[in-house]
Protein backbone atom coordinates (compact mmCIF):
# COMPACT_ATOMS: atom_id res chain seq x y z
CA MET A 1 13.54 4.83 -68.51
CA THR A 2 10.30 3.08 -67.85
CA ILE A 3 7.48 1.23 -69.47
CA SER A 4 4.06 2.75 -69.01
CA LEU A 5 1.43 0.85 -70.92
CA PRO A 6 -2.32 1.36 -70.44
CA ILE A 7 -2.55 -1.64 -68.08
CA ASP A 8 -2.64 -2.16 -64.30
CA ALA A 9 0.25 -0.60 -62.40
CA GLU A 10 1.22 -4.02 -61.03
CA ALA A 11 1.41 -5.44 -64.56
CA ASN A 12 3.62 -2.54 -65.68
CA GLU A 13 5.84 -3.03 -62.64
CA LEU A 14 6.28 -6.72 -63.43
CA LEU A 15 7.23 -5.90 -67.04
CA GLN A 16 9.67 -3.27 -65.78
CA ARG A 17 11.56 -5.61 -63.45
CA SER A 18 11.21 -9.01 -65.13
CA PRO A 19 12.84 -9.59 -68.53
CA LEU A 20 10.99 -12.92 -68.73
CA ALA A 21 7.61 -11.25 -68.18
CA LEU A 22 8.45 -8.62 -70.80
CA LEU A 23 9.44 -11.33 -73.27
CA ILE A 24 6.23 -13.29 -72.59
CA GLY A 25 4.18 -10.14 -73.16
CA MET A 26 5.88 -9.61 -76.49
CA ILE A 27 5.36 -13.24 -77.49
CA LEU A 28 1.64 -12.84 -76.79
CA ASP A 29 1.42 -9.52 -78.64
CA GLN A 30 -0.28 -10.82 -81.76
CA GLN A 31 -3.92 -11.06 -82.71
CA VAL A 32 -4.98 -9.53 -79.39
CA PRO A 33 -4.93 -5.94 -78.12
CA LEU A 34 -1.56 -4.98 -76.67
CA GLU A 35 -3.21 -4.33 -73.31
CA LYS A 36 -4.24 -8.00 -73.13
CA ALA A 37 -0.87 -9.29 -74.31
CA PHE A 38 1.19 -7.26 -71.85
CA SER A 39 -1.22 -7.83 -68.93
CA ALA A 40 -1.04 -11.60 -69.44
CA PRO A 41 2.33 -12.13 -67.68
CA TYR A 42 0.92 -10.54 -64.51
CA GLU A 43 -2.25 -12.62 -64.81
CA LEU A 44 -0.10 -15.74 -65.23
CA VAL A 45 1.75 -14.87 -62.00
CA ARG A 46 -1.58 -14.35 -60.26
CA ARG A 47 -2.91 -17.70 -61.46
CA LEU A 48 0.23 -19.58 -60.45
CA GLY A 49 0.42 -17.82 -57.09
CA HIS A 50 4.07 -16.90 -57.68
CA GLU A 51 6.39 -15.53 -60.33
CA PRO A 52 7.68 -18.42 -62.45
CA ASP A 53 11.16 -18.58 -63.88
CA ALA A 54 12.08 -19.95 -67.31
CA ALA A 55 13.08 -23.34 -65.90
CA GLU A 56 9.67 -23.79 -64.26
CA LEU A 57 7.82 -22.84 -67.43
CA ALA A 58 10.07 -25.08 -69.53
CA ALA A 59 9.36 -28.08 -67.30
CA PHE A 60 5.63 -27.41 -66.87
CA ASP A 61 3.23 -30.13 -67.94
CA PRO A 62 2.03 -28.82 -71.34
CA ALA A 63 -1.62 -29.72 -70.71
CA ALA A 64 -1.55 -28.02 -67.32
CA LEU A 65 0.03 -24.88 -68.76
CA THR A 66 -2.56 -24.82 -71.53
CA ALA A 67 -5.31 -25.12 -68.90
CA ILE A 68 -3.86 -22.13 -67.04
CA PHE A 69 -3.74 -20.11 -70.27
CA ALA A 70 -7.29 -21.16 -71.17
CA GLU A 71 -8.85 -20.37 -67.76
CA ARG A 72 -11.43 -17.65 -68.28
CA PRO A 73 -10.69 -15.02 -69.20
CA ALA A 74 -8.09 -16.74 -71.39
CA LEU A 75 -4.62 -15.20 -71.41
CA HIS A 76 -4.75 -15.12 -75.21
CA ARG A 77 -7.21 -15.68 -78.03
CA PHE A 78 -5.31 -18.90 -78.83
CA PRO A 79 -4.41 -20.25 -75.38
CA LYS A 80 -3.13 -23.67 -76.47
CA ALA A 81 -0.83 -22.32 -79.18
CA MET A 82 0.45 -19.48 -77.02
CA ALA A 83 1.05 -21.67 -73.97
CA ALA A 84 3.12 -23.92 -76.24
CA ARG A 85 5.01 -20.95 -77.67
CA VAL A 86 5.79 -19.54 -74.22
CA GLN A 87 6.97 -22.97 -73.11
CA GLU A 88 9.13 -23.34 -76.22
CA ALA A 89 10.68 -19.93 -75.53
CA ALA A 90 11.31 -20.90 -71.90
CA ARG A 91 13.06 -24.08 -73.05
CA LEU A 92 15.25 -22.10 -75.44
CA LEU A 93 16.13 -19.69 -72.61
CA VAL A 94 17.09 -22.60 -70.36
CA ASP A 95 19.12 -24.34 -73.08
CA ARG A 96 21.00 -21.31 -74.42
CA TYR A 97 20.92 -18.65 -71.72
CA ASP A 98 20.77 -20.53 -68.40
CA GLY A 99 17.13 -19.42 -68.08
CA ASP A 100 18.02 -15.71 -68.03
CA ALA A 101 15.91 -13.87 -70.61
CA ALA A 102 17.99 -10.69 -70.30
CA ARG A 103 21.06 -12.52 -71.58
CA VAL A 104 19.39 -12.74 -75.01
CA TRP A 105 20.05 -9.03 -75.53
CA ALA A 106 22.46 -8.05 -72.76
CA GLU A 107 25.29 -10.20 -74.12
CA ALA A 108 24.87 -9.11 -77.74
CA PRO A 109 27.91 -7.09 -78.90
CA ASP A 110 25.87 -4.86 -81.19
CA GLY A 111 22.36 -4.11 -82.41
CA ARG A 112 22.52 -6.52 -85.32
CA ALA A 113 23.55 -9.39 -83.04
CA ALA A 114 20.81 -8.47 -80.56
CA LEU A 115 18.26 -8.50 -83.38
CA THR A 116 19.49 -11.89 -84.60
CA ARG A 117 19.29 -13.37 -81.10
CA ILE A 118 15.79 -11.98 -80.51
CA ALA A 119 14.61 -13.22 -83.92
CA GLU A 120 15.67 -16.75 -82.96
CA LEU A 121 13.03 -16.81 -80.22
CA PRO A 122 9.79 -18.70 -80.93
CA GLY A 123 7.15 -16.44 -82.44
CA PHE A 124 9.58 -13.68 -83.42
CA GLY A 125 9.91 -12.82 -87.07
CA ARG A 126 12.08 -9.93 -88.21
CA GLN A 127 9.45 -7.23 -87.65
CA LYS A 128 8.53 -8.42 -84.16
CA ALA A 129 12.23 -8.70 -83.29
CA GLN A 130 12.76 -5.12 -84.49
CA ILE A 131 9.84 -3.89 -82.39
CA PHE A 132 11.16 -5.71 -79.32
CA LEU A 133 14.67 -4.33 -79.86
CA ALA A 134 13.17 -0.84 -80.12
CA LEU A 135 11.19 -1.45 -76.92
CA LEU A 136 14.37 -2.52 -75.14
CA GLY A 137 16.30 0.47 -76.45
CA LYS A 138 13.67 3.13 -75.91
CA ARG A 139 12.15 2.01 -72.60
CA PHE A 140 14.88 -0.06 -70.93
CA GLY A 141 18.14 1.58 -71.94
CA VAL A 142 19.39 -1.48 -73.80
CA ASP A 143 21.57 0.28 -76.34
CA PRO A 144 24.25 -1.84 -77.97
CA PRO A 145 25.97 0.00 -80.83
CA GLY A 146 23.73 0.16 -83.88
CA TRP A 147 20.53 -0.86 -82.12
CA ARG A 148 18.45 1.90 -83.74
CA GLU A 149 19.60 0.87 -87.21
CA ALA A 150 18.94 -2.80 -86.45
CA ALA A 151 15.46 -1.90 -85.19
CA GLY A 152 14.74 -0.26 -88.55
CA GLU A 153 11.84 2.18 -88.66
CA TYR A 154 10.90 1.17 -85.11
CA GLY A 155 14.18 2.53 -83.78
CA ALA A 156 13.51 6.12 -84.88
CA ALA A 157 13.42 8.45 -81.89
CA ASP A 158 10.31 10.32 -83.00
CA ALA A 159 8.34 7.31 -84.28
CA TYR A 160 4.88 6.32 -83.12
CA ARG A 161 4.76 2.88 -84.71
CA SER A 162 4.68 0.27 -81.94
CA VAL A 163 4.52 -0.60 -78.27
CA ALA A 164 8.08 0.75 -78.04
CA ASP A 165 6.70 4.27 -78.47
CA ILE A 166 3.90 4.20 -75.91
CA THR A 167 4.53 6.35 -72.85
CA ASP A 168 1.06 7.76 -72.21
CA GLN A 169 -2.47 7.95 -73.61
CA GLU A 170 -1.50 10.46 -76.29
CA SER A 171 1.32 8.30 -77.64
CA LEU A 172 -0.97 5.24 -77.52
CA LEU A 173 -3.45 7.07 -79.75
CA LYS A 174 -0.67 8.07 -82.17
CA VAL A 175 0.52 4.44 -82.40
CA ARG A 176 -3.03 3.25 -83.03
CA GLU A 177 -3.54 5.92 -85.71
CA HIS A 178 -0.30 4.82 -87.41
CA LYS A 179 -1.44 1.19 -87.39
CA GLN A 180 -4.82 2.13 -88.86
CA ARG A 181 -3.15 4.12 -91.65
CA THR A 182 -0.79 1.22 -92.37
CA LYS A 183 -3.67 -1.28 -92.57
CA ALA A 184 -5.70 1.06 -94.79
CA ALA A 185 -2.74 1.53 -97.14
CA ALA A 186 -2.14 -2.24 -97.33
CA LYS A 187 -5.84 -2.83 -98.04
CA ALA A 188 -5.86 -0.16 -100.75
CA ALA A 189 -2.76 -1.68 -102.35
CA LYS A 190 -4.48 -5.08 -102.53
CA GLY A 191 -7.80 -3.71 -103.74
């Protein structure tokens, strides 16, 4: 299993091997294109000159981390808020999981527990937690019993709803089409 997003090969490789980078990408995946969100962990590594661990990010001077996020081009549309959220997540990882992001899901006895643990992370509501669980299950082989059910509609094998379903350009287009239909339906329901 592999992740293959429409981003630089080096950024995909980092996401593939680093649970922390993958988690940061998912944290940043809001109000920016997914390409920007999931490229940001690699750009953060480039800016720091090394791959940080959770303990380093947790202990970082908040103003300095914000400055790194805000350096042009900014890592996110809201660099101050997202630097703070990444730091808050790193602190939670250090406090609860000895800094090991993979322990959030790897130690969960079932899909529902994995979803609960993911949803406790800063910036993760239920939907985002379901998408991340589906990403872990579909692209990384993280498959505790009941993970598809816990991931809801995002866990379906033949779905094209989220980043969890992107394997190539064709699947990316299907995911984008689904999102456009969902937004149009929500707008029509309001109107």
